[in-house]
C-alpha cells in the first residue's frame, strides 16, 4: 500500500483523526522498522474529523455520524 501511495503523490490520504493516526500510530511504526522516509508526508493527509466542523447540524463528530450526514451508510458494527 505504501508503494502505491508513494507512486500516486497527487492522491490525498483520508483518515478520521489524522493527528492520532499519523503522529501516534504511523510515525512510531515506520520509525521502528527504519522506514520513516517512506511514510507519505503530512501535507497529503485530510482529516474527516476536522472537516466535520463544516457540517453545522452535526452534534457528534464520530465517523459514523459524519458518514451518515454525508449520505453514506454507517459502518458495520462487526468491522
N, C-alpha and C. Protein backbone atom coordinates (compact mmCIF):
# COMPACT_ATOMS: atom_id res chain seq x y z
N UNK A 1 0.81 -1.17 0.00
CA UNK A 1 0.00 0.00 0.00
C UNK A 1 0.87 1.26 0.00
N UNK A 2 1.92 1.25 0.77
CA UNK A 2 2.80 2.42 0.83
C UNK A 2 3.43 2.67 -0.54
N UNK A 3 3.81 1.62 -1.23
CA UNK A 3 4.37 1.79 -2.57
C UNK A 3 3.34 2.46 -3.48
N UNK A 4 2.09 2.01 -3.43
CA UNK A 4 1.03 2.61 -4.23
C UNK A 4 0.87 4.09 -3.89
N UNK A 5 0.79 4.39 -2.61
CA UNK A 5 0.60 5.78 -2.20
C UNK A 5 1.76 6.66 -2.64
N UNK A 6 2.97 6.14 -2.57
CA UNK A 6 4.13 6.92 -2.97
C UNK A 6 4.24 7.05 -4.48
N UNK A 7 3.66 6.11 -5.23
CA UNK A 7 3.64 6.21 -6.69
C UNK A 7 2.55 7.14 -7.18
N UNK A 8 1.59 7.47 -6.33
CA UNK A 8 0.47 8.34 -6.67
C UNK A 8 0.47 9.57 -5.76
N UNK A 9 1.47 10.43 -5.88
CA UNK A 9 1.62 11.53 -4.92
C UNK A 9 0.52 12.58 -4.98
N UNK A 10 -0.31 12.59 -6.02
CA UNK A 10 -1.39 13.57 -6.10
C UNK A 10 -2.65 13.14 -5.37
N UNK A 11 -2.73 11.87 -4.98
CA UNK A 11 -3.91 11.39 -4.27
C UNK A 11 -3.83 11.79 -2.80
N UNK A 12 -4.92 12.35 -2.26
CA UNK A 12 -4.92 12.62 -0.82
C UNK A 12 -5.12 11.32 -0.05
N UNK A 13 -4.72 11.33 1.18
CA UNK A 13 -4.93 10.20 2.08
C UNK A 13 -5.89 10.69 3.15
N UNK A 14 -6.99 9.97 3.32
CA UNK A 14 -8.06 10.41 4.21
C UNK A 14 -8.12 9.52 5.45
N UNK A 15 -8.22 10.15 6.60
CA UNK A 15 -8.39 9.44 7.87
C UNK A 15 -9.32 10.27 8.75
N UNK A 16 -9.96 9.63 9.68
CA UNK A 16 -10.93 10.36 10.50
C UNK A 16 -10.26 11.19 11.59
N UNK A 17 -9.18 10.77 12.10
CA UNK A 17 -8.49 11.57 13.12
C UNK A 17 -6.99 11.52 12.82
N UNK A 18 -6.59 12.32 11.84
CA UNK A 18 -5.23 12.27 11.30
C UNK A 18 -4.16 12.48 12.37
N UNK A 19 -4.37 13.41 13.28
CA UNK A 19 -3.33 13.66 14.29
C UNK A 19 -2.97 12.39 15.04
N UNK A 20 -3.97 11.65 15.44
CA UNK A 20 -3.71 10.39 16.16
C UNK A 20 -3.10 9.35 15.22
N UNK A 21 -3.76 9.13 14.08
CA UNK A 21 -3.30 8.09 13.15
C UNK A 21 -1.86 8.33 12.72
N UNK A 22 -1.55 9.55 12.36
CA UNK A 22 -0.23 9.85 11.81
C UNK A 22 0.83 9.91 12.92
N UNK A 23 0.58 10.78 13.90
CA UNK A 23 1.60 11.03 14.93
C UNK A 23 1.77 9.90 15.93
N UNK A 24 0.68 9.29 16.34
CA UNK A 24 0.76 8.31 17.42
C UNK A 24 0.84 6.86 16.96
N UNK A 25 0.47 6.60 15.70
CA UNK A 25 0.49 5.23 15.21
C UNK A 25 1.52 5.05 14.09
N UNK A 26 1.35 5.79 13.01
CA UNK A 26 2.18 5.56 11.83
C UNK A 26 3.65 5.98 12.01
N UNK A 27 3.89 7.17 12.53
CA UNK A 27 5.28 7.62 12.69
C UNK A 27 6.07 6.65 13.58
N UNK A 28 5.56 6.27 14.77
CA UNK A 28 6.33 5.31 15.58
C UNK A 28 6.52 3.96 14.89
N UNK A 29 5.50 3.48 14.17
CA UNK A 29 5.62 2.19 13.50
C UNK A 29 6.66 2.25 12.39
N UNK A 30 6.62 3.29 11.57
CA UNK A 30 7.59 3.42 10.49
C UNK A 30 9.00 3.67 11.05
N UNK A 31 9.10 4.41 12.14
CA UNK A 31 10.41 4.64 12.76
C UNK A 31 10.97 3.33 13.30
N UNK A 32 10.12 2.51 13.91
CA UNK A 32 10.54 1.24 14.50
C UNK A 32 11.16 0.31 13.45
N UNK A 33 10.59 0.31 12.23
CA UNK A 33 11.14 -0.57 11.20
C UNK A 33 12.17 0.13 10.32
N UNK A 34 12.53 1.36 10.70
CA UNK A 34 13.58 2.08 9.96
C UNK A 34 13.16 2.51 8.57
N UNK A 35 11.88 2.85 8.42
CA UNK A 35 11.36 3.16 7.10
C UNK A 35 10.58 4.48 7.10
N UNK A 36 10.93 5.39 8.00
CA UNK A 36 10.19 6.63 8.16
C UNK A 36 10.17 7.48 6.88
N UNK A 37 11.20 7.37 6.07
CA UNK A 37 11.25 8.16 4.83
C UNK A 37 10.19 7.72 3.81
N UNK A 38 9.60 6.55 3.98
CA UNK A 38 8.57 6.06 3.05
C UNK A 38 7.15 6.46 3.45
N UNK A 39 7.00 6.97 4.67
CA UNK A 39 5.69 7.42 5.13
C UNK A 39 5.30 8.69 4.37
N UNK A 40 4.13 8.69 3.69
CA UNK A 40 3.71 9.89 2.98
C UNK A 40 3.66 11.10 3.91
N UNK A 41 4.07 12.23 3.40
CA UNK A 41 4.18 13.47 4.18
C UNK A 41 2.82 13.92 4.72
N UNK A 42 2.82 14.62 5.85
CA UNK A 42 1.57 15.05 6.48
C UNK A 42 0.70 15.94 5.59
N UNK A 43 1.29 16.66 4.67
CA UNK A 43 0.53 17.57 3.81
C UNK A 43 -0.49 16.83 2.94
N UNK A 44 -0.27 15.55 2.70
CA UNK A 44 -1.18 14.77 1.86
C UNK A 44 -2.43 14.31 2.59
N UNK A 45 -2.40 14.34 3.88
CA UNK A 45 -3.47 13.76 4.67
C UNK A 45 -4.61 14.76 4.84
N UNK A 46 -5.84 14.24 4.78
CA UNK A 46 -7.05 15.04 5.01
C UNK A 46 -7.79 14.40 6.17
N UNK A 47 -8.22 15.23 7.09
CA UNK A 47 -8.85 14.74 8.32
C UNK A 47 -10.37 14.96 8.26
N UNK A 48 -11.12 13.87 8.20
CA UNK A 48 -12.57 13.99 8.18
C UNK A 48 -13.12 14.51 9.50
N UNK A 49 -12.41 14.29 10.58
CA UNK A 49 -12.84 14.85 11.87
C UNK A 49 -12.79 16.37 11.81
N UNK A 50 -11.69 16.90 11.34
CA UNK A 50 -11.55 18.36 11.22
C UNK A 50 -12.57 18.91 10.22
N UNK A 51 -12.76 18.23 9.11
CA UNK A 51 -13.71 18.67 8.10
C UNK A 51 -15.15 18.62 8.61
N UNK A 52 -15.41 17.76 9.59
CA UNK A 52 -16.77 17.62 10.11
C UNK A 52 -17.27 18.91 10.76
N UNK A 53 -16.38 19.80 11.12
CA UNK A 53 -16.80 21.07 11.70
C UNK A 53 -17.48 21.98 10.67
N UNK A 54 -17.39 21.63 9.41
CA UNK A 54 -18.10 22.36 8.35
C UNK A 54 -19.56 21.91 8.24
N UNK A 55 -19.94 20.90 8.98
CA UNK A 55 -21.31 20.40 8.97
C UNK A 55 -22.02 20.96 10.20
N UNK A 56 -22.72 22.09 10.05
CA UNK A 56 -23.23 22.83 11.21
C UNK A 56 -24.24 22.09 12.07
N UNK A 57 -25.01 21.17 11.52
CA UNK A 57 -26.03 20.48 12.31
C UNK A 57 -25.55 19.18 12.93
N UNK A 58 -24.30 18.85 12.73
CA UNK A 58 -23.75 17.60 13.24
C UNK A 58 -23.36 17.77 14.70
N UNK A 59 -24.02 17.03 15.58
CA UNK A 59 -23.72 17.18 17.01
C UNK A 59 -22.52 16.35 17.43
N UNK A 60 -22.46 15.11 16.96
CA UNK A 60 -21.33 14.26 17.29
C UNK A 60 -20.42 14.16 16.08
N UNK A 61 -19.14 14.28 16.29
CA UNK A 61 -18.16 14.25 15.20
C UNK A 61 -17.63 12.84 14.94
N UNK A 62 -18.34 11.82 15.40
CA UNK A 62 -17.89 10.45 15.18
C UNK A 62 -17.91 10.13 13.69
N UNK A 63 -17.10 9.19 13.28
CA UNK A 63 -17.04 8.81 11.87
C UNK A 63 -18.40 8.35 11.37
N UNK A 64 -19.11 7.56 12.15
CA UNK A 64 -20.43 7.09 11.73
C UNK A 64 -21.39 8.25 11.49
N UNK A 65 -21.38 9.25 12.35
CA UNK A 65 -22.27 10.39 12.17
C UNK A 65 -21.87 11.22 10.96
N UNK A 66 -20.59 11.38 10.72
CA UNK A 66 -20.13 12.11 9.54
C UNK A 66 -20.56 11.37 8.28
N UNK A 67 -20.35 10.05 8.25
CA UNK A 67 -20.77 9.25 7.09
C UNK A 67 -22.26 9.42 6.83
N UNK A 68 -23.05 9.28 7.86
CA UNK A 68 -24.50 9.38 7.71
C UNK A 68 -24.91 10.77 7.23
N UNK A 69 -24.33 11.80 7.78
CA UNK A 69 -24.66 13.18 7.39
C UNK A 69 -24.34 13.44 5.92
N UNK A 70 -23.32 12.77 5.41
CA UNK A 70 -22.92 12.95 4.01
C UNK A 70 -23.63 11.98 3.07
N UNK A 71 -24.54 11.18 3.61
CA UNK A 71 -25.33 10.30 2.76
C UNK A 71 -24.75 8.91 2.56
N UNK A 72 -23.76 8.54 3.35
CA UNK A 72 -23.18 7.20 3.27
C UNK A 72 -23.74 6.34 4.40
N UNK A 73 -23.65 5.03 4.23
CA UNK A 73 -24.08 4.12 5.28
C UNK A 73 -23.10 4.16 6.44
N UNK A 74 -23.64 3.98 7.61
CA UNK A 74 -22.79 3.85 8.78
C UNK A 74 -21.96 2.58 8.65
N UNK A 75 -20.86 2.52 9.34
CA UNK A 75 -20.02 1.32 9.28
C UNK A 75 -20.72 0.15 9.93
N UNK A 76 -20.34 -1.03 9.56
CA UNK A 76 -20.87 -2.25 10.16
C UNK A 76 -20.35 -2.36 11.58
N UNK A 77 -21.18 -2.79 12.47
CA UNK A 77 -20.75 -2.98 13.87
C UNK A 77 -19.70 -4.07 14.00
N UNK A 78 -19.60 -4.94 13.00
CA UNK A 78 -18.62 -6.03 13.04
C UNK A 78 -17.28 -5.62 12.47
N UNK A 79 -17.18 -4.44 11.91
CA UNK A 79 -15.93 -4.00 11.26
C UNK A 79 -14.94 -3.51 12.27
